[in-house]
Amino acid sequence: MTWQAAYQYLGKLFSNTEQAGQASNHQQGTRRDADLPLGAKIGSVISLQKSPLIRAISVGSLIDPPDEGETRILAISRVQLDMAGELYRYYLNCDEEGTEKFLQLYCDASGNVAELLYCSRLARLIPESDEDQQAFMGENGSGLGDRSYTLWRQQLAQSGMDDARLDNVFFGAESLTYLRDCGDSEAEFIAPFRGSETRIDDASGEHGLQQDIVFMPYSRNLGNGEAMTEQLLISTEILRSKNGDRTQRGIHVDLMIAIPIETERLLVQ
């Protein structure tokens, strides 16, 4: 069962940040990154076969593969949801201004890794108006949660993407359409999922962040007749605290590109 399939069992989504904070209280001298899937810890070195990412790029994916130096887990987070199983993120790049990259693992109720995604940030948006914030929160029955989401070539060109890559992605088109990747495919709108993420940036949990998240997965088929799927994970993130400082607040929207990876292609040491 994939993490999208697990959503079908959701009655409500975990959104109590106070409970999340209690679960992540700092404990001096105690590792907060123990007993994680694949034996991962902060500082673990990963070896990832890049062939699925290279193939995806060759047929038009927007994914950014890890750089040569991005082989170490810098931070680990748990996404809190009322669902069967657990969702973890192993961060290879935590750059707030650059290309954030992480491995997302969905573990089923038995603790087995049921799905592994490699994710890289395409863009970070700041919803400045009330209307923008409402749209990316899926309020008023529209916006995030709509049946489809469109990326425009002009958008990515303005963000600095070069013409050669744009040509490889768009194949002469002006836009890319992603379809909502959960729920009734015919429904015009489904309320986005709500939860929270607690990330630790060191083994003792002294540094990190807590944020509420409102998100929806979308996807598209790559290339012409290729049996490959690219996911677009749209996540509105409301920062509640950073490094234990609850005066650190903010809101942004991350557009993450994700490619499924077989667990056999990943080694964590």
C-alpha atoms as a PDB file:
ATOM      1  CA  MET A   1       0.000   0.000   0.000  1.00  0.00           C
ATOM      2  CA  THR A   2       1.407   3.426  -0.981  1.00  0.00           C
ATOM      3  CA  TRP A   3       1.046   6.476   1.226  1.00  0.00           C
ATOM      4  CA  GLN A   4      -1.544   7.887  -1.210  1.00  0.00           C
ATOM      5  CA  ALA A   5      -3.579   4.690  -0.833  1.00  0.00           C
ATOM      6  CA  ALA A   6      -3.350   4.972   2.933  1.00  0.00           C
ATOM      7  CA  TYR A   7      -5.217   8.274   2.729  1.00  0.00           C
ATOM      8  CA  GLN A   8      -8.343   6.307   1.890  1.00  0.00           C
ATOM      9  CA  TYR A   9      -8.425   5.233   5.555  1.00  0.00           C
ATOM     10  CA  LEU A  10      -8.301   8.760   6.909  1.00  0.00           C
ATOM     11  CA  GLY A  11     -11.218   9.853   9.020  1.00  0.00           C
ATOM     12  CA  LYS A  12      -9.464  13.033  10.142  1.00  0.00           C
ATOM     13  CA  LEU A  13      -5.908  14.322   9.975  1.00  0.00           C
ATOM     14  CA  PHE A  14      -3.608  14.952  12.880  1.00  0.00           C
ATOM     15  CA  SER A  15      -3.208  18.697  13.301  1.00  0.00           C
ATOM     16  CA  ASN A  16      -2.549  19.274  17.018  1.00  0.00           C
ATOM     17  CA  THR A  17       0.853  20.934  17.044  1.00  0.00           C
ATOM     18  CA  GLU A  18       0.939  21.037  20.815  1.00  0.00           C
ATOM     19  CA  GLN A  19       0.759  17.246  20.934  1.00  0.00           C
ATOM     20  CA  ALA A  20       3.448  17.089  18.258  1.00  0.00           C
ATOM     21  CA  GLY A  21       5.601  19.409  20.337  1.00  0.00           C
ATOM     22  CA  GLN A  22       5.209  17.237  23.413  1.00  0.00           C
ATOM     23  CA  ALA A  23       6.244  14.203  21.400  1.00  0.00           C
ATOM     24  CA  SER A  24       9.421  15.993  20.313  1.00  0.00           C
ATOM     25  CA  ASN A  25      10.584  17.604  23.566  1.00  0.00           C
ATOM     26  CA  HIS A  26      14.351  17.954  23.701  1.00  0.00           C
ATOM     27  CA  GLN A  27      16.111  15.343  25.799  1.00  0.00           C
ATOM     28  CA  GLN A  28      19.730  16.104  26.609  1.00  0.00           C
ATOM     29  CA  GLY A  29      22.014  13.148  26.049  1.00  0.00           C
ATOM     30  CA  THR A  30      19.351  11.042  24.329  1.00  0.00           C
ATOM     31  CA  ARG A  31      19.394  10.334  20.620  1.00  0.00           C
ATOM     32  CA  ARG A  32      16.158  11.439  19.013  1.00  0.00           C
ATOM     33  CA  ASP A  33      16.952   9.700  15.723  1.00  0.00           C
ATOM     34  CA  ALA A  34      16.959   6.081  16.910  1.00  0.00           C
ATOM     35  CA  ASP A  35      14.924   3.122  15.644  1.00  0.00           C
ATOM     36  CA  LEU A  36      14.207   4.644  12.242  1.00  0.00           C
ATOM     37  CA  PRO A  37      13.463   2.766   8.990  1.00  0.00           C
ATOM     38  CA  LEU A  38      16.501   1.365   7.155  1.00  0.00           C
ATOM     39  CA  GLY A  39      18.596   2.020  10.249  1.00  0.00           C
ATOM     40  CA  ALA A  40      18.978   5.692   9.353  1.00  0.00           C
ATOM     41  CA  LYS A  41      20.415   8.305  11.706  1.00  0.00           C
ATOM     42  CA  ILE A  42      21.457  11.897  11.284  1.00  0.00           C
ATOM     43  CA  GLY A  43      24.893  11.704   9.712  1.00  0.00           C
ATOM     44  CA  SER A  44      24.203   8.395   7.970  1.00  0.00           C
ATOM     45  CA  VAL A  45      25.729   8.102   4.503  1.00  0.00           C
ATOM     46  CA  ILE A  46      23.387   7.070   1.720  1.00  0.00           C
ATOM     47  CA  SER A  47      24.157   5.443  -1.602  1.00  0.00           C
ATOM     48  CA  LEU A  48      21.359   5.966  -4.130  1.00  0.00           C
ATOM     49  CA  GLN A  49      21.356   4.471  -7.607  1.00  0.00           C
ATOM     50  CA  LYS A  50      20.525   7.426  -9.831  1.00  0.00           C
ATOM     51  CA  SER A  51      19.462   5.511 -12.940  1.00  0.00           C
ATOM     52  CA  PRO A  52      15.688   5.998 -12.307  1.00  0.00           C
ATOM     53  CA  LEU A  53      16.255   9.752 -11.914  1.00  0.00           C
ATOM     54  CA  ILE A  54      18.436   9.975 -15.019  1.00  0.00           C
ATOM     55  CA  ARG A  55      15.844   8.069 -17.021  1.00  0.00           C
ATOM     56  CA  ALA A  56      13.076  10.330 -15.712  1.00  0.00           C
ATOM     57  CA  ILE A  57      15.024  13.450 -16.711  1.00  0.00           C
ATOM     58  CA  SER A  58      15.581  12.017 -20.189  1.00  0.00           C
ATOM     59  CA  VAL A  59      11.797  11.890 -20.726  1.00  0.00           C
ATOM     60  CA  GLY A  60      11.035  15.322 -19.342  1.00  0.00           C
ATOM     61  CA  SER A  61      11.052  15.187 -15.544  1.00  0.00           C
ATOM     62  CA  LEU A  62      11.688  18.311 -13.490  1.00  0.00           C
ATOM     63  CA  ILE A  63      13.516  16.327 -10.788  1.00  0.00           C
ATOM     64  CA  ASP A  64      16.917  17.542  -9.569  1.00  0.00           C
ATOM     65  CA  PRO A  65      19.089  14.534  -8.629  1.00  0.00           C
ATOM     66  CA  PRO A  66      21.353  14.734  -5.576  1.00  0.00           C
ATOM     67  CA  ASP A  67      24.719  16.397  -6.154  1.00  0.00           C
ATOM     68  CA  GLU A  68      27.922  14.455  -5.564  1.00  0.00           C
ATOM     69  CA  GLY A  69      28.244  15.920  -2.081  1.00  0.00           C
ATOM     70  CA  GLU A  70      24.643  15.273  -1.065  1.00  0.00           C
ATOM     71  CA  THR A  71      25.188  11.801   0.334  1.00  0.00           C
ATOM     72  CA  ARG A  72      24.645  12.390   4.052  1.00  0.00           C
ATOM     73  CA  ILE A  73      21.389  12.626   6.022  1.00  0.00           C
ATOM     74  CA  LEU A  74      21.390  16.137   7.511  1.00  0.00           C
ATOM     75  CA  ALA A  75      17.970  16.081   9.166  1.00  0.00           C
ATOM     76  CA  ILE A  76      15.081  13.709   9.771  1.00  0.00           C
ATOM     77  CA  SER A  77      11.391  14.472  10.130  1.00  0.00           C
ATOM     78  CA  ARG A  78       8.163  12.669  10.855  1.00  0.00           C
ATOM     79  CA  VAL A  79       4.968  13.828   9.228  1.00  0.00           C
ATOM     80  CA  GLN A  80       2.144  13.357  11.715  1.00  0.00           C
ATOM     81  CA  LEU A  81      -1.062  12.036  10.183  1.00  0.00           C
ATOM     82  CA  ASP A  82      -3.963   9.991  11.443  1.00  0.00           C
ATOM     83  CA  MET A  83      -3.309   7.144   9.022  1.00  0.00           C
ATOM     84  CA  ALA A  84      -2.233   3.537   8.921  1.00  0.00           C
ATOM     85  CA  GLY A  85       1.564   3.594   9.003  1.00  0.00           C
ATOM     86  CA  GLU A  86       4.206   6.307   9.308  1.00  0.00           C
ATOM     87  CA  LEU A  87       5.673   8.930   6.977  1.00  0.00           C
ATOM     88  CA  TYR A  88       9.337   9.952   7.323  1.00  0.00           C
ATOM     89  CA  ARG A  89      11.605  12.356   5.466  1.00  0.00           C
ATOM     90  CA  TYR A  90      15.398  12.017   5.353  1.00  0.00           C
ATOM     91  CA  TYR A  91      16.851  15.368   4.283  1.00  0.00           C
ATOM     92  CA  LEU A  92      19.938  15.509   2.061  1.00  0.00           C
ATOM     93  CA  ASN A  93      19.713  19.274   1.566  1.00  0.00           C
ATOM     94  CA  CYS A  94      17.953  21.633   4.009  1.00  0.00           C
ATOM     95  CA  ASP A  95      18.744  24.864   2.164  1.00  0.00           C
ATOM     96  CA  GLU A  96      15.773  27.166   2.813  1.00  0.00           C
ATOM     97  CA  GLU A  97      16.641  29.315  -0.195  1.00  0.00           C
ATOM     98  CA  GLY A  98      17.915  26.619  -2.544  1.00  0.00           C
ATOM     99  CA  THR A  99      16.989  23.168  -3.754  1.00  0.00           C
ATOM    100  CA  GLU A 100      15.717  21.277  -0.724  1.00  0.00           C
ATOM    101  CA  LYS A 101      16.032  17.523  -1.251  1.00  0.00           C
ATOM    102  CA  PHE A 102      14.836  14.564   0.780  1.00  0.00           C
ATOM    103  CA  LEU A 103      13.887  10.915   0.673  1.00  0.00           C
ATOM    104  CA  GLN A 104      10.288  10.294   1.714  1.00  0.00           C
ATOM    105  CA  LEU A 105       9.476   6.895   3.168  1.00  0.00           C
ATOM    106  CA  TYR A 106       6.002   5.570   3.821  1.00  0.00           C
ATOM    107  CA  CYS A 107       6.025   2.613   6.211  1.00  0.00           C
ATOM    108  CA  ASP A 108       2.924   0.469   6.535  1.00  0.00           C
ATOM    109  CA  ALA A 109       1.317  -0.542   9.829  1.00  0.00           C
ATOM    110  CA  SER A 110       3.800  -3.447  10.097  1.00  0.00           C
ATOM    111  CA  GLY A 111       6.777  -1.096   9.840  1.00  0.00           C
ATOM    112  CA  ASN A 112       7.808  -2.164   6.335  1.00  0.00           C
ATOM    113  CA  VAL A 113       8.865   0.460   3.781  1.00  0.00           C
ATOM    114  CA  ALA A 114       5.953   0.369   1.331  1.00  0.00           C
ATOM    115  CA  GLU A 115       6.948   3.374  -0.780  1.00  0.00           C
ATOM    116  CA  LEU A 116      10.117   5.398  -1.292  1.00  0.00           C
ATOM    117  CA  LEU A 117      10.182   8.740  -3.099  1.00  0.00           C
ATOM    118  CA  TYR A 118      13.128  10.943  -3.953  1.00  0.00           C
ATOM    119  CA  CYS A 119      11.997  14.582  -3.797  1.00  0.00           C
ATOM    120  CA  SER A 120      13.527  17.891  -4.842  1.00  0.00           C
ATOM    121  CA  ARG A 121      12.060  21.354  -4.495  1.00  0.00           C
ATOM    122  CA  LEU A 122      10.979  22.987  -7.728  1.00  0.00           C
ATOM    123  CA  ALA A 123       9.890  26.294  -6.232  1.00  0.00           C
ATOM    124  CA  ARG A 124       8.928  28.033  -3.010  1.00  0.00           C
ATOM    125  CA  LEU A 125       6.065  30.521  -3.175  1.00  0.00           C
ATOM    126  CA  ILE A 126       5.077  33.124  -0.592  1.00  0.00           C
ATOM    127  CA  PRO A 127       1.281  33.641  -0.596  1.00  0.00           C
ATOM    128  CA  GLU A 128       1.117  37.329   0.213  1.00  0.00           C
ATOM    129  CA  SER A 129      -2.582  38.131  -0.156  1.00  0.00           C
ATOM    130  CA  ASP A 130      -5.481  36.672   1.811  1.00  0.00           C
ATOM    131  CA  GLU A 131      -6.853  35.276  -1.443  1.00  0.00           C
ATOM    132  CA  ASP A 132      -3.592  33.465  -2.210  1.00  0.00           C
ATOM    133  CA  GLN A 133      -3.413  32.018   1.293  1.00  0.00           C
ATOM    134  CA  GLN A 134      -7.012  30.808   1.095  1.00  0.00           C
ATOM    135  CA  ALA A 135      -6.354  29.182  -2.284  1.00  0.00           C
ATOM    136  CA  PHE A 136      -3.262  27.313  -1.103  1.00  0.00           C
ATOM    137  CA  MET A 137      -5.114  26.228   2.047  1.00  0.00           C
ATOM    138  CA  GLY A 138      -7.963  24.841  -0.065  1.00  0.00           C
ATOM    139  CA  GLU A 139     -10.468  27.073   1.659  1.00  0.00           C
ATOM    140  CA  ASN A 140     -13.782  28.074   0.079  1.00  0.00           C
ATOM    141  CA  GLY A 141     -13.892  24.790  -1.841  1.00  0.00           C
ATOM    142  CA  SER A 142     -11.234  25.607  -4.427  1.00  0.00           C
ATOM    143  CA  GLY A 143      -7.504  25.963  -4.933  1.00  0.00           C
ATOM    144  CA  LEU A 144      -5.338  23.279  -3.380  1.00  0.00           C
ATOM    145  CA  GLY A 145      -7.410  20.136  -3.799  1.00  0.00           C
ATOM    146  CA  ASP A 146      -8.712  20.983  -7.257  1.00  0.00           C
ATOM    147  CA  ARG A 147      -8.807  18.138  -9.760  1.00  0.00           C
ATOM    148  CA  SER A 148      -5.711  19.427 -11.589  1.00  0.00           C
ATOM    149  CA  TYR A 149      -2.799  21.814 -11.238  1.00  0.00           C
ATOM    150  CA  THR A 150      -1.025  23.523 -14.132  1.00  0.00           C
ATOM    151  CA  LEU A 151       2.614  24.587 -14.371  1.00  0.00           C
ATOM    152  CA  TRP A 152       3.397  27.107 -17.115  1.00  0.00           C
ATOM    153  CA  ARG A 153       6.621  27.288 -19.095  1.00  0.00           C
ATOM    154  CA  GLN A 154       6.728  31.049 -18.540  1.00  0.00           C
ATOM    155  CA  GLN A 155       6.600  30.516 -14.761  1.00  0.00           C
ATOM    156  CA  LEU A 156       9.683  28.313 -14.798  1.00  0.00           C
ATOM    157  CA  ALA A 157      11.496  30.554 -17.277  1.00  0.00           C
ATOM    158  CA  GLN A 158      10.979  33.497 -14.930  1.00  0.00           C
ATOM    159  CA  SER A 159      12.362  31.414 -12.066  1.00  0.00           C
ATOM    160  CA  GLY A 160      15.643  31.041 -13.986  1.00  0.00           C
ATOM    161  CA  MET A 161      15.296  27.661 -15.703  1.00  0.00           C
ATOM    162  CA  ASP A 162      17.294  27.659 -18.947  1.00  0.00           C
ATOM    163  CA  ASP A 163      15.784  27.146 -22.412  1.00  0.00           C
ATOM    164  CA  ALA A 164      17.456  23.777 -23.037  1.00  0.00           C
ATOM    165  CA  ARG A 165      15.885  22.256 -19.962  1.00  0.00           C
ATOM    166  CA  LEU A 166      12.525  23.890 -20.645  1.00  0.00           C
ATOM    167  CA  ASP A 167      12.540  22.384 -24.139  1.00  0.00           C
ATOM    168  CA  ASN A 168      13.283  18.936 -22.672  1.00  0.00           C
ATOM    169  CA  VAL A 169      10.423  19.264 -20.173  1.00  0.00           C
ATOM    170  CA  PHE A 170       7.682  20.899 -22.230  1.00  0.00           C
ATOM    171  CA  PHE A 171       8.254  19.301 -25.672  1.00  0.00           C
ATOM    172  CA  GLY A 172       6.902  22.392 -27.426  1.00  0.00           C
ATOM    173  CA  ALA A 173       3.899  22.845 -25.108  1.00  0.00           C
ATOM    174  CA  GLU A 174       3.283  25.940 -22.999  1.00  0.00           C
ATOM    175  CA  SER A 175       2.077  24.125 -19.888  1.00  0.00           C
ATOM    176  CA  LEU A 176       2.135  20.871 -17.912  1.00  0.00           C
ATOM    177  CA  THR A 177      -1.013  19.483 -16.302  1.00  0.00           C
ATOM    178  CA  TYR A 178      -0.838  17.371 -13.159  1.00  0.00           C
ATOM    179  CA  LEU A 179      -3.900  15.457 -11.954  1.00  0.00           C
ATOM    180  CA  ARG A 180      -4.808  15.015  -8.310  1.00  0.00           C
ATOM    181  CA  ASP A 181      -3.321  11.716  -7.132  1.00  0.00           C
ATOM    182  CA  CYS A 182      -5.875  10.628  -4.531  1.00  0.00           C
ATOM    183  CA  GLY A 183      -9.585  10.370  -3.938  1.00  0.00           C
ATOM    184  CA  ASP A 184     -12.304  10.345  -6.585  1.00  0.00           C
ATOM    185  CA  SER A 185     -10.644  11.320  -9.854  1.00  0.00           C
ATOM    186  CA  GLU A 186     -13.942  12.782 -11.114  1.00  0.00           C
ATOM    187  CA  ALA A 187     -14.491  15.063  -8.119  1.00  0.00           C
ATOM    188  CA  GLU A 188     -13.747  18.685  -8.974  1.00  0.00           C
ATOM    189  CA  PHE A 189     -12.416  19.367  -5.480  1.00  0.00           C
ATOM    190  CA  ILE A 190     -11.275  17.349  -2.476  1.00  0.00           C
ATOM    191  CA  ALA A 191     -10.261  19.099   0.732  1.00  0.00           C
ATOM    192  CA  PRO A 192      -6.454  18.976   1.098  1.00  0.00           C
ATOM    193  CA  PHE A 193      -4.832  16.885   3.801  1.00  0.00           C
ATOM    194  CA  ARG A 194      -3.765  18.492   7.063  1.00  0.00           C
ATOM    195  CA  GLY A 195      -1.103  17.408   9.497  1.00  0.00           C
ATOM    196  CA  SER A 196       2.159  18.508  11.050  1.00  0.00           C
ATOM    197  CA  GLU A 197       5.857  17.929  10.528  1.00  0.00           C
ATOM    198  CA  THR A 198       8.491  17.812  13.260  1.00  0.00           C
ATOM    199  CA  ARG A 199      12.063  17.927  11.961  1.00  0.00           C
ATOM    200  CA  ILE A 200      15.243  17.444  13.976  1.00  0.00           C
ATOM    201  CA  ASP A 201      18.556  18.723  12.631  1.00  0.00           C
ATOM    202  CA  ASP A 202      20.828  17.015  15.158  1.00  0.00           C
ATOM    203  CA  ALA A 203      20.806  13.710  17.002  1.00  0.00           C
ATOM    204  CA  SER A 204      19.763  15.210  20.352  1.00  0.00           C
ATOM    205  CA  GLY A 205      16.891  17.214  18.876  1.00  0.00           C
ATOM    206  CA  GLU A 206      18.338  20.567  19.988  1.00  0.00           C
ATOM    207  CA  HIS A 207      17.773  22.124  16.563  1.00  0.00           C
ATOM    208  CA  GLY A 208      14.966  21.713  14.079  1.00  0.00           C
ATOM    209  CA  LEU A 209      11.490  22.982  13.364  1.00  0.00           C
ATOM    210  CA  GLN A 210       7.805  22.302  13.824  1.00  0.00           C
ATOM    211  CA  GLN A 211       5.222  23.280  11.256  1.00  0.00           C
ATOM    212  CA  ASP A 212       1.641  22.625  10.268  1.00  0.00           C
ATOM    213  CA  ILE A 213       1.210  21.369   6.720  1.00  0.00           C
ATOM    214  CA  VAL A 214      -1.689  21.474   4.271  1.00  0.00           C
ATOM    215  CA  PHE A 215      -0.915  19.424   1.184  1.00  0.00           C
ATOM    216  CA  MET A 216      -2.094  17.528  -1.851  1.00  0.00           C
ATOM    217  CA  PRO A 217      -0.268  15.135  -4.206  1.00  0.00           C
ATOM    218  CA  TYR A 218      -0.608  15.502  -7.979  1.00  0.00           C
ATOM    219  CA  SER A 219       1.016  13.487 -10.775  1.00  0.00           C
ATOM    220  CA  ARG A 220       1.569  13.252 -14.530  1.00  0.00           C
ATOM    221  CA  ASN A 221       2.872  10.633 -16.925  1.00  0.00           C
ATOM    222  CA  LEU A 222       6.301  11.340 -18.395  1.00  0.00           C
ATOM    223  CA  GLY A 223       7.279  11.287 -22.067  1.00  0.00           C
ATOM    224  CA  ASN A 224       5.302   9.698 -24.852  1.00  0.00           C
ATOM    225  CA  GLY A 225       3.999   6.331 -23.743  1.00  0.00           C
ATOM    226  CA  GLU A 226       6.649   5.957 -21.039  1.00  0.00           C
ATOM    227  CA  ALA A 227       5.513   3.949 -18.022  1.00  0.00           C
ATOM    228  CA  MET A 228       6.946   6.539 -15.651  1.00  0.00           C
ATOM    229  CA  THR A 229       5.138   8.885 -13.309  1.00  0.00           C
ATOM    230  CA  GLU A 230       6.302  12.165 -11.825  1.00  0.00           C
ATOM    231  CA  GLN A 231       4.594  13.475  -8.723  1.00  0.00           C
ATOM    232  CA  LEU A 232       4.084  17.090  -7.761  1.00  0.00           C
ATOM    233  CA  LEU A 233       3.654  17.449  -3.995  1.00  0.00           C
ATOM    234  CA  ILE A 234       2.163  20.851  -3.130  1.00  0.00           C
ATOM    235  CA  SER A 235       2.526  21.698   0.536  1.00  0.00           C
ATOM    236  CA  THR A 236       1.514  24.866   2.361  1.00  0.00           C
ATOM    237  CA  GLU A 237       3.696  25.018   5.452  1.00  0.00           C
ATOM    238  CA  ILE A 238       2.972  27.196   8.485  1.00  0.00           C
ATOM    239  CA  LEU A 239       6.062  27.451  10.666  1.00  0.00           C
ATOM    240  CA  ARG A 240       5.256  27.191  14.399  1.00  0.00           C
ATOM    241  CA  SER A 241       8.746  27.144  15.888  1.00  0.00           C
ATOM    242  CA  LYS A 242      12.385  26.898  14.861  1.00  0.00           C
ATOM    243  CA  ASN A 243      15.129  25.654  17.159  1.00  0.00           C
ATOM    244  CA  GLY A 244      12.611  25.833  19.996  1.00  0.00           C
ATOM    245  CA  ASP A 245      11.859  29.513  19.364  1.00  0.00           C
ATOM    246  CA  ARG A 246       8.100  29.971  18.973  1.00  0.00           C
ATOM    247  CA  THR A 247       8.532  33.572  17.829  1.00  0.00           C
ATOM    248  CA  GLN A 248       9.847  32.161  14.557  1.00  0.00           C
ATOM    249  CA  ARG A 249       6.722  32.127  12.391  1.00  0.00           C
ATOM    250  CA  GLY A 250       6.021  32.165   8.682  1.00  0.00           C
ATOM    251  CA  ILE A 251       4.059  30.676   5.800  1.00  0.00           C
ATOM    252  CA  HIS A 252       5.184  29.447   2.398  1.00  0.00           C
ATOM    253  CA  VAL A 253       4.172  26.959  -0.294  1.00  0.00           C
ATOM    254  CA  ASP A 254       6.643  24.339  -1.502  1.00  0.00           C
ATOM    255  CA  LEU A 255       6.278  22.661  -4.892  1.00  0.00           C
ATOM    256  CA  MET A 256       8.204  19.389  -4.636  1.00  0.00           C
ATOM    257  CA  ILE A 257       8.915  17.065  -7.566  1.00  0.00           C
ATOM    258  CA  ALA A 258       9.042  13.376  -6.619  1.00  0.00           C
ATOM    259  CA  ILE A 259      10.080  10.188  -8.405  1.00  0.00           C
ATOM    260  CA  PRO A 260       9.370   6.693  -6.991  1.00  0.00           C
ATOM    261  CA  ILE A 261      12.500   4.670  -6.206  1.00  0.00           C
ATOM    262  CA  GLU A 262      12.764   0.952  -5.466  1.00  0.00           C
ATOM    263  CA  THR A 263      14.097   0.406  -1.943  1.00  0.00           C
ATOM    264  CA  GLU A 264      16.732  -1.971  -3.394  1.00  0.00           C
ATOM    265  CA  ARG A 265      18.355   1.059  -5.027  1.00  0.00           C
ATOM    266  CA  LEU A 266      19.015   2.750  -1.670  1.00  0.00           C
ATOM    267  CA  LEU A 267      21.699   1.811   0.843  1.00  0.00           C
ATOM    268  CA  VAL A 268      21.911   3.590   4.217  1.00  0.00           C
ATOM    269  CA  GLN A 269      25.113   3.213   6.255  1.00  0.00           C
END
